[in-house]
Amino acid sequence: MIKIIPDDFSSTEYNKQAFHPLQTWQWGEARKKTGVEVLRLSDGNNVFQLTIHSLHPTDLKIGYLPRSVFPSKNVLDFLIDYCKKNKIIFIKIEPNVEKSKLQVTSYKLQSSPHPLFPSWTQVLDLNKTEDELLKSFHSKTRYNIRLAEKKGVVIKEMSNKEGFEIFSKLYFETCKRQKYFGHSPKYHKIVWESMKKDLAHILIAFYNDVPLASYELFYFKNVFYYPYGGTSLEYRNLMPSNLLMWETIKLGKKLGAKKFDMWGSLGPNYEQSNDWAGFTRFKEGYSTKFVEFVGSYDLVINPILYKIYNAIYSLREIYLRFKQ
C-alpha cells in the first residue's frame, strides 16, 4: 500500500530508506523553502520524494521524481490517480538506477525529450589506498596535482558561511562565463543552509589567500557527490582544480565514502567538440569508470497538454540559445 508521508514524520527514519541526496528529507525541506510543493511517498520499502511545480498563470502543474529507485507499478498507479486529482500534466522520472541493472517493466513510460540529468556519470572506487588511487590517475593529472602543490596552492575545507560565500561567488562567475542558466543565488543559499549540517561540504583552493576554485559536495550513505563547482580565471596555470579534486577524493575517503559519483558527464567516446568535453576529460583523468543510468522518463497523464508543454519548452530553449 502506498502512503503519503506527513510533514511531521521523523527525518532520521525517512533518510534510512532514501539513498541519494536528492531523496533526503533535507533536500525536500530546501525545495519547500524555494516555494515548491513536495510530495513524499512510501511503498513500505522505499521512499519517493517528488517536487510539484506550478505552471503560472494556469492552475496546471508538472511533477519531478529525481534519483529514487525505479518506481513499481503500484507507485505509478498511485501517481496517476494523484495527478488526475491535482491537475498534474506529467511526472518526469529520473531514477538512480544503472542501465545494466534495469528491471523490465510493462508500464508505459515515455522517454523524456527534455532530461534534466545527464544519462552518464563517472564514478571513482574509493576502496583503494591513496597511493593506489594516485598511481591510477592519468600521468598529466598527476603532474598537474604536483605542480599545484609545488607552486603553493592550498586546499581548505570551509563548510561554513564564509566558505559558502566564496563558493557562491566563484560558482556564479563560472555560470556567467559559460553562459549556463543555473538556479539563483537565493536557491543555492537555501540548499546550503538546509544541507550543511548533515550532508554538504565546501572545499576551496587558494593561492596567496586568493580563492581560485571551489566545490560544494554532498556525502550520503557511503557515497560522495560532486554536484556544484566554480573556478576563477586567475592563476589557472597553477592547476588549482586538479589539486582541489585530489583533496576532494581524500576527503571522501576520510568521511567513509566507498565511491565518488561525479554527478554527470558525457559518455565514453565523446566528441571533443562537445561543450562538455572539457570537464568530462578532466574527470576522466582521475581513472574513473563511466556509468550509464536508465535515463529520463515521463509518466504522461494528459497527452494533449503534454504535447503543448513540450512545444513551449522547445521554443523557450531556442529563445535562450539566441539570447546568449
Protein backbone atom coordinates (compact mmCIF):
# COMPACT_ATOMS: atom_id res chain seq x y z
CA MET A 1 0.00 0.00 0.00
CA ILE A 2 1.30 3.45 -0.96
CA LYS A 3 1.18 6.09 1.76
CA ILE A 4 1.77 9.83 1.74
CA ILE A 5 4.40 10.66 4.35
CA PRO A 6 3.28 13.52 6.65
CA ASP A 7 5.41 16.62 7.28
CA ASP A 8 5.89 15.71 10.94
CA PHE A 9 7.46 12.34 10.11
CA SER A 10 10.92 11.61 11.55
CA SER A 11 13.57 12.87 9.16
CA THR A 12 16.03 10.31 10.54
CA GLU A 13 13.66 7.40 9.91
CA TYR A 14 12.84 8.76 6.46
CA ASN A 15 16.51 9.02 5.45
CA LYS A 16 17.08 5.38 6.37
CA GLN A 17 15.04 4.48 3.28
CA ALA A 18 16.42 7.20 0.99
CA PHE A 19 19.65 6.53 -0.86
CA HIS A 20 20.52 9.70 -2.79
CA PRO A 21 20.97 13.33 -1.62
CA LEU A 22 18.04 14.46 -3.79
CA GLN A 23 15.79 12.00 -1.98
CA THR A 24 16.81 13.10 1.53
CA TRP A 25 14.48 14.87 3.91
CA GLN A 26 16.84 17.87 3.96
CA TRP A 27 16.63 18.28 0.19
CA GLY A 28 12.85 18.22 0.34
CA GLU A 29 12.83 20.89 3.04
CA ALA A 30 15.14 23.02 0.92
CA ARG A 31 12.81 22.75 -2.07
CA LYS A 32 9.84 23.75 0.10
CA LYS A 33 11.70 26.91 1.12
CA THR A 34 12.16 27.78 -2.56
CA GLY A 35 8.38 27.76 -2.93
CA VAL A 36 7.99 24.33 -4.50
CA GLU A 37 5.43 21.79 -3.31
CA VAL A 38 6.95 18.50 -2.07
CA LEU A 39 5.22 15.12 -2.04
CA ARG A 40 6.79 12.22 -0.13
CA LEU A 41 5.55 8.66 -0.59
CA SER A 42 6.40 5.27 0.87
CA ASP A 43 5.69 1.81 -0.52
CA GLY A 44 6.88 0.16 2.69
CA ASN A 45 10.40 -0.48 1.43
CA ASN A 46 11.36 2.69 -0.42
CA VAL A 47 10.61 6.40 -0.27
CA PHE A 48 9.83 8.62 -3.24
CA GLN A 49 10.23 12.38 -2.93
CA LEU A 50 8.66 14.41 -5.71
CA THR A 51 8.59 18.13 -6.36
CA ILE A 52 5.41 19.59 -7.84
CA HIS A 53 5.84 22.72 -9.98
CA SER A 54 3.03 25.14 -10.82
CA LEU A 55 2.73 26.40 -14.40
CA HIS A 56 1.75 30.00 -13.80
CA PRO A 57 -0.57 31.69 -14.62
CA THR A 58 -2.60 28.46 -15.04
CA ASP A 59 -3.62 26.07 -12.27
CA LEU A 60 -1.80 23.23 -14.06
CA LYS A 61 1.30 21.53 -12.64
CA ILE A 62 4.12 19.14 -13.53
CA GLY A 63 5.98 16.73 -11.24
CA TYR A 64 9.59 15.64 -10.90
CA LEU A 65 10.92 12.47 -9.25
CA PRO A 66 14.74 12.55 -9.24
CA ARG A 67 17.17 9.82 -8.25
CA SER A 68 14.84 7.40 -6.48
CA VAL A 69 14.68 3.66 -7.06
CA PHE A 70 12.69 2.77 -10.17
CA PRO A 71 9.03 3.11 -9.07
CA SER A 72 6.94 -0.04 -9.08
CA LYS A 73 3.62 -0.42 -10.88
CA ASN A 74 1.81 0.23 -7.58
CA VAL A 75 3.68 3.52 -7.11
CA LEU A 76 2.99 4.56 -10.71
CA ASP A 77 -0.70 3.71 -10.35
CA PHE A 78 -0.86 5.85 -7.22
CA LEU A 79 0.87 8.73 -9.00
CA ILE A 80 -1.52 8.59 -11.95
CA ASP A 81 -4.50 8.83 -9.63
CA TYR A 82 -2.87 11.62 -7.61
CA CYS A 83 -2.01 13.58 -10.75
CA LYS A 84 -5.55 13.36 -12.13
CA LYS A 85 -6.92 14.78 -8.87
CA ASN A 86 -4.34 17.59 -8.72
CA LYS A 87 -4.15 18.79 -12.35
CA ILE A 88 -0.62 17.47 -12.91
CA ILE A 89 0.10 17.04 -16.63
CA PHE A 90 3.02 14.59 -16.27
CA ILE A 91 5.80 13.50 -13.94
CA LYS A 92 9.41 13.36 -15.05
CA ILE A 93 11.16 10.34 -13.53
CA GLU A 94 14.97 10.06 -13.45
CA PRO A 95 15.88 7.01 -11.34
CA ASN A 96 19.24 6.49 -9.68
CA VAL A 97 19.49 3.11 -11.38
CA GLU A 98 22.28 1.95 -13.67
CA LYS A 99 21.14 0.88 -17.13
CA SER A 100 22.73 -2.54 -16.71
CA LYS A 101 20.58 -3.13 -13.61
CA LEU A 102 17.24 -2.04 -15.06
CA GLN A 103 14.38 -4.39 -14.27
CA VAL A 104 11.91 -4.85 -17.09
CA THR A 105 8.58 -3.14 -16.52
CA SER A 106 5.42 -3.45 -18.57
CA TYR A 107 4.38 0.05 -17.56
CA LYS A 108 4.22 2.62 -20.34
CA LEU A 109 6.70 5.41 -19.68
CA GLN A 110 7.74 7.75 -22.46
CA SER A 111 11.38 8.59 -22.98
CA SER A 112 11.67 12.22 -21.93
CA PRO A 113 12.54 14.73 -24.70
CA HIS A 114 13.92 17.13 -22.07
CA PRO A 115 16.03 15.26 -19.49
CA LEU A 116 17.38 17.23 -16.54
CA PHE A 117 20.12 14.79 -15.50
CA PRO A 118 22.72 13.55 -17.97
CA SER A 119 22.39 9.83 -18.64
CA TRP A 120 26.09 9.28 -17.92
CA THR A 121 28.27 9.96 -14.91
CA GLN A 122 31.79 8.99 -13.86
CA VAL A 123 32.38 7.06 -10.65
CA LEU A 124 35.60 6.50 -8.74
CA ASP A 125 36.14 3.48 -6.48
CA LEU A 126 37.40 4.81 -3.14
CA ASN A 127 38.20 1.42 -1.64
CA LYS A 128 41.78 1.74 -2.93
CA THR A 129 44.52 3.36 -0.85
CA GLU A 130 45.56 6.95 -1.59
CA ASP A 131 48.79 5.69 -3.16
CA GLU A 132 46.88 3.24 -5.37
CA LEU A 133 44.47 5.96 -6.44
CA LEU A 134 47.24 8.43 -7.25
CA LYS A 135 49.13 5.85 -9.29
CA SER A 136 45.97 5.06 -11.27
CA PHE A 137 45.44 8.66 -12.37
CA HIS A 138 46.41 9.85 -15.84
CA SER A 139 50.07 10.97 -15.89
CA LYS A 140 49.08 14.52 -16.86
CA THR A 141 46.62 14.66 -13.93
CA ARG A 142 49.34 13.54 -11.51
CA TYR A 143 51.72 16.13 -12.97
CA ASN A 144 49.14 18.91 -12.53
CA ILE A 145 48.45 17.87 -8.91
CA ARG A 146 52.16 18.03 -8.08
CA LEU A 147 52.54 21.33 -9.95
CA ALA A 148 49.76 22.94 -7.90
CA GLU A 149 51.32 21.67 -4.67
CA LYS A 150 54.80 22.86 -5.68
CA LYS A 151 53.54 26.33 -6.64
CA GLY A 152 51.85 26.80 -3.26
CA VAL A 153 48.17 26.14 -3.96
CA VAL A 154 46.44 25.29 -0.67
CA ILE A 155 43.12 23.46 -0.21
CA LYS A 156 40.91 24.27 2.77
CA GLU A 157 37.61 22.80 3.89
CA MET A 158 35.39 25.76 4.74
CA SER A 159 31.97 24.28 5.38
CA ASN A 160 30.70 27.48 6.94
CA LYS A 161 29.12 30.80 5.98
CA GLU A 162 32.38 32.31 4.76
CA GLY A 163 33.16 29.25 2.68
CA PHE A 164 29.71 29.25 1.09
CA GLU A 165 30.03 32.92 0.13
CA ILE A 166 33.37 32.24 -1.56
CA PHE A 167 31.94 29.19 -3.34
CA SER A 168 28.84 31.11 -4.44
CA LYS A 169 30.92 33.93 -5.95
CA LEU A 170 33.08 31.50 -7.93
CA TYR A 171 30.10 29.39 -8.98
CA PHE A 172 28.11 32.29 -10.41
CA GLU A 173 31.18 33.79 -12.08
CA THR A 174 31.58 30.44 -13.83
CA CYS A 175 27.89 30.28 -14.78
CA LYS A 176 28.12 33.72 -16.35
CA ARG A 177 31.35 32.90 -18.16
CA GLN A 178 29.99 29.64 -19.56
CA LYS A 179 26.53 31.10 -20.29
CA TYR A 180 24.90 28.49 -18.07
CA PHE A 181 21.42 29.29 -16.80
CA GLY A 182 21.56 27.80 -13.32
CA HIS A 183 19.49 28.42 -10.23
CA SER A 184 19.55 31.76 -8.42
CA PRO A 185 21.91 32.72 -5.56
CA LYS A 186 18.89 32.59 -3.21
CA TYR A 187 18.19 28.99 -4.27
CA HIS A 188 21.77 27.90 -3.64
CA LYS A 189 21.84 29.61 -0.27
CA ILE A 190 18.67 27.79 0.77
CA VAL A 191 20.14 24.46 -0.39
CA TRP A 192 23.36 25.10 1.54
CA GLU A 193 21.55 26.15 4.72
CA SER A 194 19.38 23.04 4.55
CA MET A 195 22.14 20.55 3.76
CA LYS A 196 25.18 21.93 5.58
CA LYS A 197 24.73 20.28 8.97
CA ASP A 198 24.49 16.67 7.84
CA LEU A 199 25.29 16.36 4.14
CA ALA A 200 27.15 19.25 2.50
CA HIS A 201 30.83 20.21 2.46
CA ILE A 202 32.74 23.02 0.77
CA LEU A 203 36.36 22.81 -0.35
CA ILE A 204 38.27 25.81 -1.69
CA ALA A 205 41.63 26.11 -3.49
CA PHE A 206 43.66 29.21 -2.52
CA TYR A 207 46.85 30.79 -3.80
CA ASN A 208 48.22 33.58 -1.60
CA ASP A 209 44.78 33.75 0.06
CA VAL A 210 43.10 34.29 -3.33
CA PRO A 211 40.28 31.74 -3.89
CA LEU A 212 40.73 30.07 -7.28
CA ALA A 213 38.31 27.13 -7.31
CA SER A 214 35.62 25.69 -5.06
CA TYR A 215 33.34 22.66 -4.86
CA GLU A 216 30.14 22.09 -2.93
CA LEU A 217 29.94 18.37 -2.19
CA PHE A 218 27.34 16.01 -0.72
CA TYR A 219 28.08 12.92 1.37
CA PHE A 220 25.29 10.42 1.92
CA LYS A 221 25.32 6.71 2.70
CA ASN A 222 28.93 5.94 1.79
CA VAL A 223 28.84 7.89 -1.47
CA PHE A 224 30.49 11.27 -2.09
CA TYR A 225 28.92 13.50 -4.76
CA TYR A 226 30.24 16.50 -6.70
CA PRO A 227 27.16 18.47 -7.83
CA TYR A 228 28.49 22.06 -7.96
CA GLY A 229 31.79 23.71 -8.76
CA GLY A 230 33.18 27.11 -9.67
CA THR A 231 36.53 28.47 -10.81
CA SER A 232 38.31 31.78 -11.26
CA LEU A 233 40.24 32.86 -14.35
CA GLU A 234 43.12 33.95 -12.13
CA TYR A 235 46.23 31.74 -11.85
CA ARG A 236 44.75 28.99 -13.99
CA ASN A 237 48.31 27.98 -14.91
CA LEU A 238 48.73 26.77 -11.31
CA MET A 239 46.23 23.96 -11.93
CA PRO A 240 44.20 24.55 -8.73
CA SER A 241 41.27 22.41 -9.89
CA ASN A 242 43.45 19.31 -10.19
CA LEU A 243 44.68 19.60 -6.61
CA LEU A 244 41.16 20.50 -5.44
CA MET A 245 39.76 17.31 -6.96
CA TRP A 246 42.51 15.21 -5.39
CA GLU A 247 41.81 16.72 -1.95
CA THR A 248 38.10 16.13 -2.56
CA ILE A 249 38.80 12.45 -3.17
CA LYS A 250 40.87 12.27 0.02
CA LEU A 251 38.07 13.98 1.99
CA GLY A 252 35.59 11.44 0.64
CA LYS A 253 37.76 8.61 1.89
CA LYS A 254 38.13 10.32 5.27
CA LEU A 255 34.35 10.60 5.60
CA GLY A 256 33.98 6.90 4.88
CA ALA A 257 32.77 7.02 1.28
CA LYS A 258 33.17 3.85 -0.77
CA LYS A 259 32.67 5.60 -4.08
CA PHE A 260 32.74 9.09 -5.56
CA ASP A 261 29.96 9.99 -8.00
CA MET A 262 30.96 12.97 -10.13
CA TRP A 263 27.26 13.73 -10.84
CA GLY A 264 27.37 13.90 -14.64
CA SER A 265 29.45 13.78 -17.80
CA LEU A 266 29.39 12.77 -21.42
CA GLY A 267 29.58 9.07 -22.17
CA PRO A 268 32.70 7.27 -23.40
CA ASN A 269 33.88 8.00 -26.97
CA TYR A 270 32.53 11.55 -26.66
CA GLU A 271 33.03 14.21 -29.31
CA GLN A 272 35.92 16.52 -28.44
CA SER A 273 33.95 19.45 -29.87
CA ASN A 274 31.11 18.99 -27.36
CA ASP A 275 30.69 21.77 -24.79
CA TRP A 276 31.01 19.18 -22.02
CA ALA A 277 34.18 17.59 -23.39
CA GLY A 278 36.48 19.65 -21.17
CA PHE A 279 35.08 18.66 -17.79
CA THR A 280 34.42 15.09 -18.99
CA ARG A 281 38.10 14.78 -19.87
CA PHE A 282 39.08 16.42 -16.58
CA LYS A 283 37.10 13.86 -14.55
CA GLU A 284 38.40 11.02 -16.72
CA GLY A 285 41.94 11.93 -15.66
CA TYR A 286 41.18 10.52 -12.19
CA SER A 287 40.81 6.96 -13.51
CA THR A 288 37.04 6.94 -13.17
CA LYS A 289 34.57 4.45 -14.57
CA PHE A 290 31.85 5.60 -16.96
CA VAL A 291 28.42 4.61 -15.65
CA GLU A 292 25.18 4.91 -17.63
CA PHE A 293 21.84 5.42 -15.91
CA VAL A 294 18.50 4.18 -17.20
CA GLY A 295 17.69 7.68 -18.38
CA SER A 296 14.78 10.08 -18.14
CA TYR A 297 11.12 9.08 -18.49
CA ASP A 298 7.81 10.92 -18.45
CA LEU A 299 4.70 9.47 -16.87
CA VAL A 300 2.12 11.24 -19.03
CA ILE A 301 -1.31 11.93 -17.55
CA ASN A 302 -2.71 14.42 -20.08
CA PRO A 303 -1.28 13.68 -23.57
CA ILE A 304 -2.65 16.83 -25.25
CA LEU A 305 -1.36 19.26 -22.63
CA TYR A 306 1.89 17.29 -22.51
CA LYS A 307 2.48 17.95 -26.23
CA ILE A 308 1.69 21.65 -25.79
CA TYR A 309 4.07 21.87 -22.81
CA ASN A 310 6.94 20.26 -24.75
CA ALA A 311 6.38 22.55 -27.74
CA ILE A 312 6.56 25.63 -25.48
CA TYR A 313 9.61 24.21 -23.68
CA SER A 314 11.42 23.70 -27.01
CA LEU A 315 10.63 27.26 -28.10
CA ARG A 316 11.96 28.58 -24.79
CA GLU A 317 15.23 26.67 -25.27
CA ILE A 318 15.64 28.14 -28.75
CA TYR A 319 14.97 31.64 -27.39
CA LEU A 320 17.57 31.25 -24.63
CA ARG A 321 20.18 29.99 -27.12
CA PHE A 322 19.67 33.02 -29.37
CA LYS A 323 19.71 35.31 -26.34
CA GLN A 324 23.24 34.24 -25.38
